[in-house]
Amino acid sequence: MQFIDRAEIQVVAGKGGDGMVAFRREKYVPAGGPSGGNGGRGGSVFLVAVESLQTLLDFQYNRIFKGQDGKKGGPKNMTGASGDDRAIEVPCGTVVYDAFTGEPLADLVEPGETFCAAKGGKGGLGNKCFLTNSNRAPDYATLGGEGEQKFLRLELKLLAEVGIIGLPNAGKSTLISALSAARPKIADYPFTTLIPNLGVVRKPSGDGTVFADIPGLIEGAHAGAGLGYEFLRHIERTRLLLHLIDITDADPIANYNTIQEELQAYGRGLADRKQILALNKVDAIDLESEEIRNLIARLKEISGVQILLISAVSRVGLDELMQEVWQQLDEMNESEAAGLLTAGVSQ
């Protein structure tokens, strides 16, 4: 399945039905009396978030979505049928923007969340609505209103609790494949991963937590270099960042600083997101060497967090890593629950 996380579409709501001019036959009533019914309203276009979709691929082939027009009013004061609404399914995590102004219109996160993208036109009034004491036989009606028409930009931001970040070849794809059933492409060259990969990792309780392997970031990613600009936004919804560093690289500290600077430059609070720092590929070096010990101590001093040592290939240290992940997420849940309780009491 091709991963598409951006699309532009046109939504056109249905036109309202025209009102009708009609007269009934009735003794002593001029022209039989007006009996033209109102037109039905046009169908609206809605966006609905669903869990069954993972990408915006469908919108690459179908870009125009229309609601049904309302029916014309009928005789005997009959109102025309309303047009059917059009429901467009989008993945959970879809953000809707005005394609011209860039104004955010909706953020569909939870399954079933709905946004009215284009409102159907109002039905026209039949001549019965214009009956007055001075005009006992109105012979005119109004046309149905035009439905709204909009050009929208859809952007998908993946919904994952844990985002795995790091430079190309840090071992992110290998790690997510070791932790979950995800099977991303893995090779020994940079930018093997060209799209975000999702994997569900089971907690000890049996619940699943979604991890996202974000394609390799490089220096200047926030400004469009490499793949980072395209996929940095997928980190926005993650609650916890797992920063993976290749300990065999020439300068792991410089690699750490590069990623932190990109998060800071991108903004949107990414630099303040809670992080876990893991040094990968420890099975390829001597952990007892003075150089490695100094490196670990220096990274701990710079980052201010505990340094975890792992090997995604040989699965060394993964149990300790997952214990830290679950602990961090549990602490976040407790903190959020306490905040909600405090807010409720204050109200």
Protein backbone atom coordinates (compact mmCIF):
# COMPACT_ATOMS: atom_id res chain seq x y z
CA MET A 1 0.00 0.00 0.00
CA GLN A 2 1.39 3.38 -1.00
CA PHE A 3 1.73 5.86 1.85
CA ILE A 4 0.21 9.23 0.95
CA ASP A 5 -0.10 11.83 3.70
CA ARG A 6 -1.13 14.91 1.69
CA ALA A 7 -3.95 15.53 -0.75
CA GLU A 8 -6.04 18.37 -2.17
CA ILE A 9 -9.71 17.90 -2.89
CA GLN A 10 -12.73 19.91 -4.01
CA VAL A 11 -16.01 19.57 -2.17
CA VAL A 12 -19.25 20.79 -3.72
CA ALA A 13 -22.47 20.72 -1.71
CA GLY A 14 -25.77 20.10 -3.44
CA LYS A 15 -27.93 22.93 -4.76
CA GLY A 16 -31.25 23.55 -3.06
CA GLY A 17 -34.36 22.63 -5.02
CA ASP A 18 -36.41 25.43 -6.61
CA GLY A 19 -39.71 26.48 -5.13
CA MET A 20 -42.81 25.76 -7.23
CA VAL A 21 -45.60 27.94 -8.55
CA ALA A 22 -48.88 26.07 -8.37
CA PHE A 23 -52.54 26.82 -7.60
CA ARG A 24 -55.24 24.64 -6.20
CA ARG A 25 -58.80 24.70 -7.41
CA GLU A 26 -61.04 26.13 -4.73
CA LYS A 27 -64.33 27.94 -5.05
CA TYR A 28 -64.28 31.67 -4.26
CA VAL A 29 -60.43 31.67 -4.00
CA PRO A 30 -58.63 33.77 -6.68
CA ALA A 31 -56.73 31.52 -9.13
CA GLY A 32 -57.53 28.58 -6.87
CA GLY A 33 -55.12 29.72 -4.15
CA PRO A 34 -51.34 29.25 -4.13
CA SER A 35 -50.16 25.69 -3.36
CA GLY A 36 -46.57 25.54 -4.64
CA GLY A 37 -44.24 23.72 -2.24
CA ASN A 38 -40.73 24.65 -1.13
CA GLY A 39 -37.67 23.03 -2.65
CA GLY A 40 -35.63 20.52 -0.69
CA ARG A 41 -32.25 21.46 0.76
CA GLY A 42 -29.09 20.38 -1.01
CA GLY A 43 -26.95 17.60 0.40
CA SER A 44 -23.93 18.64 2.48
CA VAL A 45 -20.45 17.12 2.28
CA PHE A 46 -18.94 15.76 5.49
CA LEU A 47 -15.50 14.39 6.40
CA VAL A 48 -15.60 11.47 8.85
CA ALA A 49 -12.57 10.02 10.65
CA VAL A 50 -12.32 6.22 10.54
CA GLU A 51 -9.78 3.73 11.89
CA SER A 52 -9.87 1.51 8.80
CA LEU A 53 -7.83 3.95 6.69
CA GLN A 54 -4.11 4.58 7.17
CA THR A 55 -3.26 6.91 4.26
CA LEU A 56 -4.84 9.49 1.95
CA LEU A 57 -4.17 7.30 -1.08
CA ASP A 58 -7.82 7.28 -2.24
CA PHE A 59 -7.72 11.04 -2.79
CA GLN A 60 -4.97 10.72 -5.39
CA TYR A 61 -7.52 9.32 -7.84
CA ASN A 62 -10.77 10.92 -6.75
CA ARG A 63 -10.51 14.63 -5.96
CA ILE A 64 -14.04 15.99 -6.44
CA PHE A 65 -16.85 15.13 -4.04
CA LYS A 66 -20.40 16.38 -4.50
CA GLY A 67 -23.54 16.34 -2.43
CA GLN A 68 -26.87 15.57 -4.10
CA ASP A 69 -29.10 18.42 -5.29
CA GLY A 70 -32.42 18.97 -3.56
CA LYS A 71 -35.63 18.28 -5.48
CA LYS A 72 -38.04 20.91 -6.73
CA GLY A 73 -41.12 21.68 -4.65
CA GLY A 74 -44.36 20.04 -5.74
CA PRO A 75 -48.02 21.01 -5.99
CA LYS A 76 -50.41 20.71 -3.07
CA ASN A 77 -47.84 22.34 -0.78
CA MET A 78 -45.47 19.39 -1.09
CA THR A 79 -41.86 20.09 -0.13
CA GLY A 80 -39.24 18.64 -2.43
CA ALA A 81 -36.99 15.86 -1.16
CA SER A 82 -33.69 16.93 0.36
CA GLY A 83 -30.50 15.85 -1.36
CA ASP A 84 -28.48 13.06 0.21
CA ASP A 85 -25.43 14.14 2.19
CA ARG A 86 -22.01 12.89 1.08
CA ALA A 87 -19.78 11.34 3.75
CA ILE A 88 -16.06 11.12 2.93
CA GLU A 89 -13.99 8.77 5.07
CA VAL A 90 -10.53 9.97 6.10
CA PRO A 91 -7.90 8.43 8.41
CA CYS A 92 -7.87 9.40 12.06
CA GLY A 93 -5.29 12.17 12.47
CA THR A 94 -6.32 14.09 9.35
CA VAL A 95 -6.02 17.88 9.55
CA VAL A 96 -8.19 19.90 7.16
CA TYR A 97 -6.98 23.24 5.76
CA ASP A 98 -8.39 25.79 3.36
CA ALA A 99 -6.28 25.15 0.26
CA PHE A 100 -6.04 28.84 -0.64
CA THR A 101 -5.58 30.59 2.71
CA GLY A 102 -3.95 27.77 4.67
CA GLU A 103 -6.42 28.31 7.51
CA PRO A 104 -6.90 25.17 9.63
CA LEU A 105 -10.55 24.15 9.58
CA ALA A 106 -10.70 20.86 11.46
CA ASP A 107 -8.55 18.27 13.19
CA LEU A 108 -10.14 14.82 13.04
CA VAL A 109 -8.43 12.67 15.64
CA GLU A 110 -10.97 10.32 17.21
CA PRO A 111 -12.93 7.71 15.22
CA GLY A 112 -16.34 9.08 14.26
CA GLU A 113 -15.33 12.74 14.48
CA THR A 114 -17.16 14.64 11.74
CA PHE A 115 -16.60 17.95 9.98
CA CYS A 116 -19.07 19.66 7.65
CA ALA A 117 -16.80 20.60 4.76
CA ALA A 118 -19.51 22.15 2.56
CA LYS A 119 -23.07 23.04 3.54
CA GLY A 120 -25.91 22.27 1.17
CA GLY A 121 -27.93 25.10 -0.37
CA LYS A 122 -31.30 26.09 1.06
CA GLY A 123 -34.43 25.09 -0.79
CA GLY A 124 -36.31 27.80 -2.68
CA LEU A 125 -39.69 29.06 -1.46
CA GLY A 126 -42.87 28.05 -3.22
CA ASN A 127 -45.51 30.63 -4.08
CA LYS A 128 -47.58 29.61 -1.05
CA CYS A 129 -45.00 31.46 1.10
CA PHE A 130 -45.83 34.78 -0.60
CA LEU A 131 -49.53 34.77 0.11
CA THR A 132 -50.58 38.07 1.74
CA ASN A 133 -53.79 40.03 2.19
CA SER A 134 -52.82 42.27 -0.69
CA ASN A 135 -51.56 39.49 -2.92
CA ARG A 136 -53.94 36.57 -2.85
CA ALA A 137 -52.51 34.84 -5.92
CA PRO A 138 -48.71 35.18 -6.03
CA ASP A 139 -47.37 33.74 -9.25
CA TYR A 140 -43.70 33.53 -8.41
CA ALA A 141 -41.32 31.39 -6.36
CA THR A 142 -37.60 31.55 -5.51
CA LEU A 143 -34.75 29.46 -6.80
CA GLY A 144 -32.84 27.10 -4.58
CA GLY A 145 -29.61 28.35 -3.06
CA GLU A 146 -26.25 27.21 -4.34
CA GLY A 147 -24.33 24.77 -2.16
CA GLU A 148 -20.95 25.72 -0.71
CA GLN A 149 -17.90 24.90 -2.78
CA LYS A 150 -14.45 24.66 -1.23
CA PHE A 151 -10.95 23.55 -2.09
CA LEU A 152 -9.38 21.72 0.84
CA ARG A 153 -5.91 20.46 1.69
CA LEU A 154 -5.78 17.31 3.77
CA GLU A 155 -2.70 16.45 5.83
CA LEU A 156 -2.31 13.25 7.77
CA LYS A 157 -0.42 13.31 11.05
CA LEU A 158 0.14 9.80 12.30
CA LEU A 159 -1.36 8.85 15.64
CA ALA A 160 1.39 7.13 17.61
CA GLU A 161 2.29 7.36 21.27
CA VAL A 162 5.99 6.74 20.71
CA GLY A 163 8.01 8.19 17.84
CA ILE A 164 11.40 6.66 17.00
CA ILE A 165 13.74 9.34 15.69
CA GLY A 166 17.40 9.53 14.70
CA LEU A 167 19.76 10.00 11.79
CA PRO A 168 19.68 7.64 8.80
CA ASN A 169 21.07 4.17 9.55
CA ALA A 170 20.64 4.62 13.31
CA GLY A 171 18.68 1.34 13.33
CA LYS A 172 15.14 2.65 13.72
CA SER A 173 13.55 0.21 11.27
CA THR A 174 15.43 -2.70 12.81
CA LEU A 175 14.21 -1.67 16.26
CA ILE A 176 10.54 -1.40 15.29
CA SER A 177 10.73 -4.76 13.54
CA ALA A 178 12.25 -6.28 16.70
CA LEU A 179 9.56 -4.80 18.95
CA SER A 180 6.49 -5.35 16.77
CA ALA A 181 5.12 -7.24 13.78
CA ALA A 182 6.04 -4.38 11.45
CA ARG A 183 8.36 -5.42 8.62
CA PRO A 184 9.88 -2.29 7.08
CA LYS A 185 12.60 -2.43 4.47
CA ILE A 186 16.02 -2.70 6.13
CA ALA A 187 19.35 -2.16 4.36
CA ASP A 188 22.84 -0.84 5.14
CA TYR A 189 22.54 2.45 3.27
CA PRO A 190 21.03 5.83 4.27
CA PHE A 191 17.37 6.65 3.59
CA THR A 192 16.30 3.03 3.31
CA THR A 193 13.05 4.06 4.97
CA LEU A 194 11.18 6.48 2.72
CA ILE A 195 7.85 6.47 4.57
CA PRO A 196 6.85 6.32 8.25
CA ASN A 197 6.28 2.79 9.52
CA LEU A 198 3.81 1.95 12.25
CA GLY A 199 4.08 -0.99 14.62
CA VAL A 200 1.92 -2.05 17.54
CA VAL A 201 3.94 -3.04 20.61
CA ARG A 202 2.16 -5.01 23.32
CA LYS A 203 2.37 -3.85 26.91
CA PRO A 204 2.70 -6.41 29.72
CA SER A 205 -1.00 -5.80 30.41
CA GLY A 206 -1.83 -6.86 26.84
CA ASP A 207 -2.81 -3.41 25.57
CA GLY A 208 -1.22 -2.23 22.33
CA THR A 209 0.81 0.94 21.93
CA VAL A 210 1.57 2.36 18.50
CA PHE A 211 5.20 3.12 17.68
CA ALA A 212 6.15 5.18 14.61
CA ASP A 213 9.47 4.82 12.83
CA ILE A 214 10.06 8.30 11.41
CA PRO A 215 12.26 8.39 8.26
CA GLY A 216 15.82 9.58 8.86
CA LEU A 217 16.26 13.22 9.68
CA ILE A 218 19.37 15.11 8.66
CA GLU A 219 20.77 18.56 9.26
CA GLY A 220 18.48 21.13 7.65
CA ALA A 221 15.45 18.81 7.68
CA HIS A 222 13.18 21.57 9.04
CA ALA A 223 14.03 23.65 5.96
CA GLY A 224 13.37 20.87 3.46
CA ALA A 225 16.63 18.92 3.37
CA GLY A 226 16.40 15.15 3.09
CA LEU A 227 13.10 13.56 4.08
CA GLY A 228 12.66 15.22 7.45
CA TYR A 229 10.51 18.15 6.36
CA GLU A 230 7.94 15.79 4.87
CA PHE A 231 7.66 13.68 8.00
CA LEU A 232 8.57 15.89 10.96
CA ARG A 233 4.89 16.69 11.36
CA HIS A 234 4.21 13.04 12.15
CA ILE A 235 6.13 13.50 15.40
CA GLU A 236 3.74 16.26 16.50
CA ARG A 237 1.13 13.85 17.89
CA THR A 238 3.56 11.52 19.65
CA ARG A 239 3.69 11.70 23.42
CA LEU A 240 7.17 10.25 23.83
CA LEU A 241 10.24 10.37 21.57
CA LEU A 242 12.70 7.50 21.46
CA HIS A 243 15.94 8.99 20.15
CA LEU A 244 18.16 6.31 18.66
CA ILE A 245 21.88 6.96 18.10
CA ASP A 246 24.39 4.71 16.34
CA ILE A 247 27.17 4.28 18.88
CA THR A 248 29.54 3.07 16.14
CA ASP A 249 29.27 6.37 14.25
CA ALA A 250 32.26 8.72 14.13
CA ASP A 251 30.66 11.37 16.35
CA PRO A 252 27.52 10.27 18.26
CA ILE A 253 27.43 13.52 20.24
CA ALA A 254 27.27 15.59 17.06
CA ASN A 255 24.48 13.30 15.83
CA TYR A 256 22.54 13.89 19.03
CA ASN A 257 22.94 17.66 18.71
CA THR A 258 21.84 17.59 15.05
CA ILE A 259 18.51 15.97 15.85
CA GLN A 260 17.88 18.25 18.83
CA GLU A 261 18.59 21.33 16.72
CA GLU A 262 16.16 20.13 14.03
CA LEU A 263 13.41 19.58 16.59
CA GLN A 264 14.05 23.05 18.00
CA ALA A 265 14.03 24.67 14.55
CA TYR A 266 10.82 22.92 13.52
CA GLY A 267 9.07 24.25 16.63
CA ARG A 268 5.54 23.21 17.65
CA GLY A 269 6.89 22.06 21.00
CA LEU A 270 8.87 19.10 19.64
CA ALA A 271 12.06 20.11 21.44
CA ASP A 272 10.19 20.01 24.76
CA ARG A 273 8.74 16.54 24.16
CA LYS A 274 9.78 13.89 26.65
CA GLN A 275 12.66 11.80 25.26
CA ILE A 276 14.36 8.49 25.91
CA LEU A 277 17.93 8.26 24.60
CA ALA A 278 19.24 4.87 23.44
CA LEU A 279 22.65 4.03 22.00
CA ASN A 280 22.21 1.30 19.40
CA LYS A 281 24.61 -1.35 17.99
CA VAL A 282 26.44 -1.88 21.29
CA ASP A 283 27.20 -5.45 20.21
CA ALA A 284 29.71 -4.02 17.73
CA ILE A 285 31.92 -2.16 20.23
CA ASP A 286 33.76 -2.71 23.51
CA LEU A 287 31.62 -1.16 26.24
CA GLU A 288 34.49 -1.40 28.72
CA SER A 289 36.82 0.88 26.73
CA GLU A 290 37.61 4.25 28.24
CA GLU A 291 36.57 6.03 25.05
CA ILE A 292 33.07 4.53 25.14
CA ARG A 293 32.70 5.20 28.86
CA ASN A 294 33.63 8.84 28.35
CA LEU A 295 31.21 9.08 25.43
CA ILE A 296 28.30 7.73 27.49
CA ALA A 297 29.12 10.03 30.39
CA ARG A 298 29.32 13.04 28.08
CA LEU A 299 26.00 12.23 26.41
CA LYS A 300 24.33 11.81 29.79
CA GLU A 301 25.65 15.20 30.85
CA ILE A 302 24.48 16.92 27.65
CA SER A 303 21.05 15.29 27.44
CA GLY A 304 20.22 15.19 31.14
CA VAL A 305 18.54 11.80 30.76
CA GLN A 306 19.51 8.21 31.44
CA ILE A 307 21.41 6.54 28.58
CA LEU A 308 20.17 3.09 27.54
CA LEU A 309 22.46 0.66 25.72
CA ILE A 310 20.82 -1.63 23.18
CA SER A 311 21.34 -3.70 20.07
CA ALA A 312 18.21 -3.98 17.94
CA VAL A 313 19.78 -6.74 15.82
CA SER A 314 20.81 -9.02 18.68
CA ARG A 315 17.95 -7.78 20.94
CA VAL A 316 20.32 -6.77 23.71
CA GLY A 317 18.83 -4.35 26.24
CA LEU A 318 15.36 -4.27 24.65
CA ASP A 319 13.62 -5.42 27.83
CA GLU A 320 15.18 -2.57 29.80
CA LEU A 321 14.27 -0.15 26.99
CA MET A 322 10.62 -1.19 27.01
CA GLN A 323 10.45 -0.98 30.80
CA GLU A 324 11.60 2.63 30.54
CA VAL A 325 9.06 3.36 27.80
CA TRP A 326 6.14 1.90 29.79
CA GLN A 327 7.26 3.75 32.92
CA GLN A 328 7.43 7.08 31.10
CA LEU A 329 4.00 6.59 29.52
CA ASP A 330 2.47 5.57 32.86
CA GLU A 331 3.89 8.69 34.52
CA MET A 332 2.41 10.83 31.72
CA ASN A 333 -0.98 9.18 32.17
CA GLU A 334 -0.92 9.78 35.92
CA SER A 335 0.13 13.40 35.42
CA GLU A 336 -2.63 14.02 32.87
CA ALA A 337 -5.22 12.36 35.11
CA ALA A 338 -4.13 14.52 38.05
CA GLY A 339 -4.33 17.63 35.89
CA LEU A 340 -7.88 16.79 34.79
CA LEU A 341 -8.89 16.15 38.40
CA THR A 342 -7.43 19.47 39.51
CA ALA A 343 -9.17 21.29 36.68
CA GLY A 344 -12.49 19.69 37.59
CA VAL A 345 -12.16 20.67 41.26
CA SER A 346 -11.26 24.28 40.38
CA GLN A 347 -14.40 24.59 38.23
